[in-house]
Amino acid sequence: MSIEIKSPTFPESVADGTIANWIKKEGESVKQDEVIAEIETDKVVLEVVAPFDGVISKVLKPAGEVVLSAELIAEFEEGGEPERDQKSSTEDLPKPTKEIKTVNTNESKSKVNGPAVKKLLKEHDLDESSIDGSGKGGRITKADVVNHLDKSLEDVKATKINKNIDTPAAVSLSIASTDRLEERVPMSRLRSTIANRLLSVKQETAMLTTFNEVDLKPIKDLRVKYGEDFNAEHGVKLGFMGFFVLAAVQALKKFPVVNASIDGNDIVYHGYQDVGVAVSTERGLVVPVIRDADNLRLADVEKSILDYSNKAKNGKLSIAEMQGGTFTISNGGVFGSLLSTPILNAPQTAILGMHTIQDRPVAIDGEVVIRPMMYLALSYDHRLLDGKEAVAFLIAIKDQLESPEKLLLNL
């Protein structure tokens, strides 16, 4: 039975998507709930799964095409049979009449093993008779075609090198230049969206950055002293990010304008603290949001961060989990960044940048001691936030991190 495969229903904030790739190809068998395609939107990559066991009979929207919400992208045969390796593909051969009693199988059977091999042969204009098959019965596999192409390329290079021995220098330069390979690929939809948003922020906001540094010895001592007990009690490690989120929440309560945003000629003050935590993935930067962070305990924050981090790495974040947010924290320190100026996550007013922890000599009570120090950066929209308030906000975060007991007392 033929079944229509449609793209997922997109949220209202997503107009369309792009077929990123077909994980399963036309004619390939799949199991129920197996991922067959990925659709990239401006925010996340959505998976299309097989509704039943069967075969993808026809792909209607190839990779790279734009699709709308719930648009037909493929046809699916429930319980269908995939192309079998032991049987030859005779779809291009005339059907024998009843008078034909015998057939020379060595001549009539194609050695091609599946549609993927046919596609490669067609794309590179290859004759299957020129390729030695390593499959059962001498059938040609995809690996055979790839190896044949690689060998052909090596032969061409070897020929050029041999000819180059007696050729002028100008020809030598021309041949050498052919080895300087370049590849042009289209920018992914997510990367394109990130690029446009960052450029828009730089052009449409009056962004400035203020810096400070924080002594993280008190927090490091807490982690050493209570880390194992915390993990045993709550099932999650006691990290640094949880402290920064809670410190930011308390500072946002003291400076509500930092938690606000500009909407046209209006200032929108948010009566809640939804903190976005920037996470780097292979496809680009995503910012899942910890909702109502002011109502969460340290353990709850750490669990949310771990859950979002795992989802981001596996491409499982939903659009809803990344919408909204009133303030963002970005941790470039995990990559070794010592100092940077984070870019605003519009329409938010400010973003906090964390950096690598580095043992440095500092003066405390008139003595030089070695402490684990971190540079903090607060980028803010000067249209809404004055320098005095921005500096005071960053100092409020610093004070709470250097005195963690203030977090427990909500001071």
Protein backbone atom coordinates (compact mmCIF):
# COMPACT_ATOMS: atom_id res chain seq x y z
CA MET A 1 0.00 0.00 0.00
CA SER A 2 1.38 3.39 -1.01
CA ILE A 3 1.66 5.97 1.79
CA GLU A 4 2.48 9.67 1.54
CA ILE A 5 5.48 10.93 3.50
CA LYS A 6 5.13 14.60 4.45
CA SER A 7 7.40 17.11 6.13
CA PRO A 8 6.69 17.82 9.82
CA THR A 9 4.19 20.48 10.78
CA PHE A 10 6.28 23.57 11.46
CA PRO A 11 5.53 26.03 14.28
CA GLU A 12 4.12 29.43 13.33
CA SER A 13 7.56 31.02 13.72
CA VAL A 14 9.03 28.75 11.01
CA ALA A 15 7.95 29.52 7.45
CA ASP A 16 9.70 26.67 5.64
CA GLY A 17 12.63 24.29 5.74
CA THR A 18 15.24 22.71 3.50
CA ILE A 19 15.81 19.01 2.88
CA ALA A 20 19.25 18.64 4.47
CA ASN A 21 19.76 15.05 3.32
CA TRP A 22 18.04 11.75 2.70
CA ILE A 23 19.48 9.25 5.15
CA LYS A 24 17.59 6.48 3.35
CA LYS A 25 17.60 6.40 -0.44
CA GLU A 26 14.91 5.64 -2.97
CA GLY A 27 14.31 1.90 -3.15
CA GLU A 28 15.90 1.28 0.25
CA SER A 29 14.10 -0.70 2.95
CA VAL A 30 13.51 0.90 6.34
CA LYS A 31 12.16 -0.08 9.73
CA GLN A 32 9.33 1.65 11.57
CA ASP A 33 10.41 4.88 13.33
CA GLU A 34 13.78 4.79 11.56
CA VAL A 35 14.99 8.25 10.46
CA ILE A 36 14.75 8.54 6.69
CA ALA A 37 15.39 12.25 6.13
CA GLU A 38 16.44 15.46 7.90
CA ILE A 39 14.86 18.87 7.32
CA GLU A 40 16.84 21.93 8.37
CA THR A 41 14.95 25.03 9.48
CA ASP A 42 16.21 28.40 10.63
CA LYS A 43 16.52 27.06 14.18
CA VAL A 44 16.73 23.26 14.34
CA VAL A 45 17.02 20.13 12.24
CA LEU A 46 13.80 18.09 12.20
CA GLU A 47 13.75 14.36 11.58
CA VAL A 48 11.34 12.52 9.30
CA VAL A 49 10.75 8.92 10.38
CA ALA A 50 9.26 5.89 8.65
CA PRO A 51 5.63 5.27 9.69
CA PHE A 52 5.92 1.49 9.14
CA ASP A 53 8.34 -1.15 7.93
CA GLY A 54 8.65 -0.79 4.19
CA VAL A 55 10.44 0.76 1.24
CA ILE A 56 10.86 4.35 0.05
CA SER A 57 9.31 3.98 -3.39
CA LYS A 58 9.83 7.54 -4.64
CA VAL A 59 11.63 10.67 -3.42
CA LEU A 60 9.70 13.77 -4.53
CA LYS A 61 11.85 16.42 -2.85
CA PRO A 62 15.61 15.86 -3.26
CA ALA A 63 18.22 17.23 -0.87
CA GLY A 64 18.58 21.01 -1.07
CA GLU A 65 14.95 21.75 -1.98
CA VAL A 66 12.80 24.05 0.14
CA VAL A 67 9.68 22.49 1.65
CA LEU A 68 6.66 23.94 3.42
CA SER A 69 4.95 22.68 6.53
CA ALA A 70 3.31 19.25 6.04
CA GLU A 71 4.31 19.16 2.34
CA LEU A 72 4.52 15.86 0.44
CA ILE A 73 8.19 14.85 0.10
CA ALA A 74 8.16 11.12 -0.71
CA GLU A 75 6.06 8.04 -1.32
CA PHE A 76 6.37 4.94 0.82
CA GLU A 77 5.37 1.32 0.28
CA GLU A 78 4.36 -0.42 3.49
CA GLY A 79 5.90 -3.88 3.73
CA GLY A 80 7.48 -3.52 0.28
CA GLU A 81 10.52 -5.48 -0.80
CA PRO A 82 13.82 -3.67 -1.43
CA GLU A 83 15.98 -4.47 -4.42
CA ARG A 84 17.73 -7.77 -3.67
CA ASP A 85 21.41 -8.39 -4.13
CA GLN A 86 21.05 -11.91 -5.59
CA LYS A 87 18.55 -10.88 -8.25
CA SER A 88 19.47 -8.86 -11.27
CA SER A 89 17.78 -5.63 -12.15
CA THR A 90 15.91 -6.35 -15.41
CA GLU A 91 13.73 -3.29 -15.48
CA ASP A 92 15.59 -1.97 -18.57
CA LEU A 93 15.41 -5.29 -20.45
CA PRO A 94 12.51 -6.35 -22.70
CA LYS A 95 10.27 -8.97 -21.18
CA PRO A 96 10.80 -12.38 -22.84
CA THR A 97 7.94 -13.92 -24.81
CA LYS A 98 6.69 -17.41 -24.14
CA GLU A 99 8.62 -18.71 -27.16
CA ILE A 100 11.95 -17.90 -25.50
CA LYS A 101 12.91 -20.97 -23.55
CA THR A 102 16.50 -20.24 -22.55
CA VAL A 103 18.42 -17.11 -21.70
CA ASN A 104 22.16 -16.66 -21.47
CA THR A 105 22.24 -15.33 -17.89
CA ASN A 106 25.87 -14.26 -18.11
CA GLU A 107 24.94 -11.80 -20.85
CA SER A 108 21.45 -10.70 -19.74
CA LYS A 109 22.05 -10.12 -16.08
CA SER A 110 23.32 -6.75 -14.96
CA LYS A 111 26.22 -6.78 -12.50
CA VAL A 112 24.98 -3.57 -10.84
CA ASN A 113 24.15 -3.99 -7.17
CA GLY A 114 21.41 -1.49 -6.28
CA PRO A 115 20.22 2.02 -7.31
CA ALA A 116 23.14 3.79 -5.63
CA VAL A 117 25.59 2.04 -7.97
CA LYS A 118 23.43 2.86 -11.01
CA LYS A 119 23.44 6.51 -10.02
CA LEU A 120 27.25 6.61 -9.70
CA LEU A 121 27.72 4.90 -13.06
CA LYS A 122 25.38 7.37 -14.72
CA GLU A 123 26.91 10.45 -13.07
CA HIS A 124 30.45 9.50 -14.14
CA ASP A 125 29.46 7.99 -17.51
CA LEU A 126 31.03 4.61 -16.69
CA ASP A 127 30.54 1.27 -18.40
CA GLU A 128 29.86 -1.47 -15.89
CA SER A 129 31.85 -3.93 -17.99
CA SER A 130 35.03 -1.94 -17.23
CA ILE A 131 34.66 -2.45 -13.47
CA ASP A 132 35.54 -5.62 -11.59
CA GLY A 133 32.81 -6.54 -9.12
CA SER A 134 33.71 -7.78 -5.64
CA GLY A 135 30.17 -8.75 -4.66
CA LYS A 136 28.57 -12.14 -4.81
CA GLY A 137 28.57 -13.53 -8.33
CA GLY A 138 30.83 -10.70 -9.50
CA ARG A 139 28.23 -8.00 -8.80
CA ILE A 140 29.43 -4.40 -8.69
CA THR A 141 29.10 -2.64 -5.34
CA LYS A 142 29.28 1.06 -4.55
CA ALA A 143 32.78 0.53 -3.11
CA ASP A 144 33.89 -1.00 -6.41
CA VAL A 145 32.82 2.11 -8.31
CA VAL A 146 34.50 4.46 -5.83
CA ASN A 147 37.73 2.46 -5.97
CA HIS A 148 37.58 2.51 -9.77
CA LEU A 149 37.21 6.29 -9.77
CA ASP A 150 40.06 6.71 -7.28
CA LYS A 151 42.33 4.48 -9.39
CA SER A 152 41.44 6.43 -12.53
CA LEU A 153 42.31 9.69 -10.79
CA GLU A 154 45.66 8.31 -9.64
CA ASP A 155 46.43 7.13 -13.20
CA VAL A 156 45.67 10.60 -14.55
CA LYS A 157 47.96 12.23 -11.97
CA ALA A 158 50.73 9.72 -12.71
CA THR A 159 50.43 10.42 -16.43
CA LYS A 160 50.70 14.16 -15.81
CA ILE A 161 53.79 13.68 -13.66
CA ASN A 162 55.48 11.52 -16.31
CA LYS A 163 54.69 14.01 -19.06
CA ASN A 164 55.94 16.82 -16.89
CA ILE A 165 59.51 15.51 -16.97
CA ASP A 166 60.14 16.81 -20.48
CA THR A 167 57.71 19.74 -20.55
CA PRO A 168 58.50 23.44 -20.11
CA ALA A 169 58.22 25.17 -16.73
CA ALA A 170 55.00 26.94 -17.74
CA VAL A 171 53.27 23.59 -18.24
CA SER A 172 54.64 22.40 -14.92
CA LEU A 173 53.04 25.32 -13.12
CA SER A 174 49.74 24.63 -14.85
CA ILE A 175 49.77 21.01 -13.80
CA ALA A 176 50.76 21.86 -10.23
CA SER A 177 47.86 24.28 -9.98
CA THR A 178 45.38 21.49 -10.69
CA ASP A 179 46.31 19.90 -7.36
CA ARG A 180 45.17 22.99 -5.44
CA LEU A 181 41.66 21.71 -4.96
CA GLU A 182 38.74 23.87 -3.90
CA GLU A 183 35.23 22.92 -2.93
CA ARG A 184 32.21 25.20 -3.08
CA VAL A 185 29.25 24.16 -0.97
CA PRO A 186 26.08 26.10 -0.13
CA MET A 187 25.88 27.60 3.34
CA SER A 188 23.56 25.58 5.57
CA ARG A 189 20.25 27.15 6.45
CA LEU A 190 21.14 27.33 10.14
CA ARG A 191 24.56 28.90 9.47
CA SER A 192 22.97 31.39 7.06
CA THR A 193 20.39 32.38 9.69
CA ILE A 194 23.10 32.79 12.34
CA ALA A 195 25.14 34.96 9.98
CA ASN A 196 22.18 37.20 9.13
CA ARG A 197 21.15 37.59 12.76
CA LEU A 198 24.65 38.47 13.94
CA LEU A 199 25.05 41.03 11.17
CA SER A 200 21.65 42.49 12.03
CA VAL A 201 22.61 42.84 15.71
CA LYS A 202 25.82 44.68 14.83
CA GLN A 203 23.94 47.06 12.56
CA GLU A 204 20.80 47.68 14.62
CA THR A 205 22.08 47.91 18.21
CA ALA A 206 24.49 50.19 20.04
CA MET A 207 26.49 47.30 21.47
CA LEU A 208 29.25 47.85 24.01
CA THR A 209 31.16 45.44 26.24
CA THR A 210 32.40 45.87 29.81
CA PHE A 211 34.86 43.49 31.51
CA ASN A 212 35.71 42.28 34.97
CA GLU A 213 37.33 39.25 36.56
CA VAL A 214 36.16 36.81 39.21
CA ASP A 215 38.03 34.67 41.73
CA LEU A 216 36.52 31.18 41.47
CA LYS A 217 38.40 29.63 44.40
CA PRO A 218 35.32 29.63 46.68
CA ILE A 219 33.28 27.74 44.07
CA LYS A 220 36.12 25.35 43.29
CA ASP A 221 36.45 24.61 47.02
CA LEU A 222 32.71 23.90 47.21
CA ARG A 223 32.91 21.52 44.28
CA VAL A 224 35.82 19.65 45.87
CA LYS A 225 34.13 19.45 49.27
CA TYR A 226 30.56 18.62 48.22
CA GLY A 227 30.86 17.44 44.60
CA GLU A 228 30.53 13.72 45.31
CA ASP A 229 27.66 14.20 47.78
CA PHE A 230 25.87 16.47 45.31
CA ASN A 231 26.20 13.89 42.53
CA ALA A 232 25.01 11.07 44.79
CA GLU A 233 21.99 13.07 45.96
CA HIS A 234 20.87 14.63 42.68
CA GLY A 235 22.35 12.37 40.01
CA VAL A 236 24.19 15.20 38.26
CA LYS A 237 27.66 16.72 38.61
CA LEU A 238 28.16 20.00 40.40
CA GLY A 239 29.45 22.22 37.61
CA PHE A 240 30.27 25.89 37.21
CA MET A 241 27.44 26.92 34.90
CA GLY A 242 24.75 26.38 37.53
CA PHE A 243 26.38 28.97 39.79
CA PHE A 244 26.59 31.46 36.93
CA VAL A 245 22.93 31.00 36.03
CA LEU A 246 21.76 31.56 39.60
CA ALA A 247 24.09 34.53 40.03
CA ALA A 248 22.71 36.04 36.83
CA VAL A 249 19.14 35.51 38.04
CA GLN A 250 19.78 37.36 41.29
CA ALA A 251 21.52 40.20 39.43
CA LEU A 252 18.62 40.43 36.94
CA LYS A 253 16.21 40.88 39.83
CA LYS A 254 18.29 43.78 41.13
CA PHE A 255 18.60 45.35 37.66
CA PRO A 256 15.33 44.60 35.84
CA VAL A 257 16.31 46.82 32.90
CA VAL A 258 18.97 44.24 31.97
CA ASN A 259 16.16 41.69 31.76
CA ALA A 260 14.10 43.95 29.49
CA SER A 261 14.00 44.33 25.71
CA ILE A 262 13.20 47.02 23.15
CA ASP A 263 10.11 46.59 20.98
CA GLY A 264 9.82 49.51 18.59
CA ASN A 265 9.50 52.61 20.78
CA ASP A 266 8.55 50.58 23.85
CA ILE A 267 10.56 48.94 26.60
CA VAL A 268 9.23 45.51 27.60
CA TYR A 269 10.04 44.56 31.21
CA HIS A 270 9.83 40.83 31.82
CA GLY A 271 8.60 39.64 35.20
CA TYR A 272 10.46 36.36 34.89
CA GLN A 273 14.02 35.22 34.22
CA ASP A 274 14.36 32.87 31.23
CA VAL A 275 18.10 32.30 30.83
CA GLY A 276 19.48 31.03 27.54
CA VAL A 277 22.66 28.94 27.63
CA ALA A 278 24.62 29.00 24.36
CA VAL A 279 25.67 25.52 23.18
CA SER A 280 28.00 24.85 20.27
CA THR A 281 27.08 22.04 17.85
CA GLU A 282 28.49 20.75 14.57
CA ARG A 283 25.82 22.73 12.70
CA GLY A 284 26.34 25.96 14.62
CA LEU A 285 25.49 27.76 17.84
CA VAL A 286 22.11 27.10 19.46
CA VAL A 287 20.65 28.67 22.59
CA PRO A 288 18.23 26.50 24.59
CA VAL A 289 16.36 28.42 27.29
CA ILE A 290 16.08 27.52 30.99
CA ARG A 291 12.58 28.76 31.75
CA ASP A 292 11.68 30.40 35.08
CA ALA A 293 15.25 29.99 36.28
CA ASP A 294 14.39 32.09 39.34
CA ASN A 295 12.26 29.20 40.63
CA LEU A 296 14.92 26.51 40.20
CA ARG A 297 17.43 25.06 42.63
CA LEU A 298 21.07 24.58 41.72
CA ALA A 299 20.49 20.87 41.04
CA ASP A 300 17.54 21.66 38.76
CA VAL A 301 19.64 24.11 36.75
CA GLU A 302 22.48 21.60 36.36
CA LYS A 303 20.03 18.91 35.19
CA SER A 304 18.50 21.29 32.64
CA ILE A 305 21.93 22.24 31.30
CA LEU A 306 22.99 18.59 30.97
CA ASP A 307 19.74 17.65 29.26
CA TYR A 308 19.97 20.52 26.77
CA SER A 309 23.63 19.81 26.08
CA ASN A 310 22.90 16.17 25.23
CA LYS A 311 19.96 17.13 23.04
CA ALA A 312 22.01 19.74 21.21
CA LYS A 313 24.83 17.29 20.45
CA ASN A 314 22.34 14.72 19.14
CA GLY A 315 20.30 17.26 17.18
CA LYS A 316 17.20 16.63 19.32
CA LEU A 317 16.47 20.17 20.51
CA SER A 318 12.96 21.33 19.68
CA ILE A 319 12.11 24.80 18.40
CA ALA A 320 10.05 25.47 21.54
CA GLU A 321 13.11 24.82 23.72
CA MET A 322 15.01 27.60 21.95
CA GLN A 323 12.31 30.26 21.70
CA GLY A 324 12.22 33.27 23.96
CA GLY A 325 14.79 34.00 26.63
CA THR A 326 15.41 37.26 28.47
CA PHE A 327 19.17 36.91 29.08
CA THR A 328 21.94 34.70 27.65
CA ILE A 329 25.15 33.17 29.00
CA SER A 330 27.88 32.04 26.62
CA ASN A 331 30.84 29.97 27.80
CA GLY A 332 33.79 30.38 25.43
CA GLY A 333 36.05 29.09 28.16
CA VAL A 334 35.32 25.48 27.24
CA PHE A 335 37.26 26.11 24.03
CA GLY A 336 40.13 27.88 25.80
CA SER A 337 39.06 31.48 25.14
CA LEU A 338 40.75 33.86 27.57
CA LEU A 339 38.83 37.01 26.59
CA SER A 340 36.16 37.84 24.03
CA THR A 341 33.25 40.18 23.30
CA PRO A 342 30.05 38.11 22.94
CA ILE A 343 27.41 39.37 20.51
CA LEU A 344 23.90 40.11 21.74
CA ASN A 345 21.15 37.56 21.26
CA ALA A 346 18.48 39.94 19.94
CA PRO A 347 16.08 41.23 21.15
CA GLN A 348 17.75 40.74 24.54
CA THR A 349 19.55 43.65 26.16
CA ALA A 350 22.64 41.84 27.45
CA ILE A 351 24.72 38.67 27.25
CA LEU A 352 27.30 37.37 29.74
CA GLY A 353 30.50 35.83 28.40
CA MET A 354 32.40 33.29 30.49
CA HIS A 355 36.02 32.42 29.72
CA THR A 356 38.69 29.90 30.62
CA ILE A 357 39.78 29.58 34.26
CA GLN A 358 43.44 30.47 34.60
CA ASP A 359 45.70 30.46 37.67
CA ARG A 360 47.06 34.00 37.98
CA PRO A 361 48.83 36.04 40.66
CA VAL A 362 46.48 38.50 42.34
CA ALA A 363 46.84 40.84 45.32
CA ILE A 364 44.63 39.91 48.30
CA ASP A 365 45.01 41.69 51.66
CA GLY A 366 48.34 43.10 50.57
CA GLU A 367 49.79 39.76 49.56
CA VAL A 368 50.33 38.22 46.12
CA VAL A 369 48.62 34.84 45.87
CA ILE A 370 47.79 32.45 43.04
CA ARG A 371 44.05 32.15 42.39
CA PRO A 372 41.86 30.51 39.71
CA MET A 373 40.67 33.62 37.87
CA MET A 374 38.17 34.08 35.05
CA TYR A 375 37.56 37.13 32.90
CA LEU A 376 33.89 38.06 32.57
CA ALA A 377 32.47 40.06 29.67
CA LEU A 378 29.06 41.72 29.53
CA SER A 379 27.95 42.94 26.13
CA TYR A 380 24.90 45.20 26.30
CA ASP A 381 22.68 47.42 24.19
CA HIS A 382 23.62 50.98 25.10
CA ARG A 383 20.29 52.23 23.75
CA LEU A 384 18.60 50.78 26.83
CA LEU A 385 21.36 50.18 29.33
CA ASP A 386 23.77 52.84 30.54
CA GLY A 387 27.38 52.04 31.32
CA LYS A 388 26.91 52.61 35.05
CA GLU A 389 24.13 50.02 35.27
CA ALA A 390 26.02 47.55 33.09
CA VAL A 391 29.11 47.75 35.28
CA ALA A 392 27.04 47.48 38.48
CA PHE A 393 25.22 44.44 37.07
CA LEU A 394 28.48 42.67 36.25
CA ILE A 395 29.90 43.46 39.69
CA ALA A 396 26.75 42.01 41.28
CA ILE A 397 27.41 38.73 39.46
CA LYS A 398 31.08 38.81 40.50
CA ASP A 399 30.21 39.38 44.17
CA GLN A 400 27.83 36.42 44.29
CA LEU A 401 30.26 34.07 42.59
CA GLU A 402 33.04 35.05 45.01
CA SER A 403 30.65 34.56 47.95
CA PRO A 404 28.50 31.54 46.97
CA GLU A 405 26.62 31.69 50.26
CA LYS A 406 24.86 34.76 48.89
CA LEU A 407 23.26 32.57 46.24
CA LEU A 408 21.80 30.30 48.91
CA LEU A 409 20.50 33.31 50.84
CA ASN A 410 19.21 35.11 47.71
CA LEU A 411 21.30 38.16 48.52
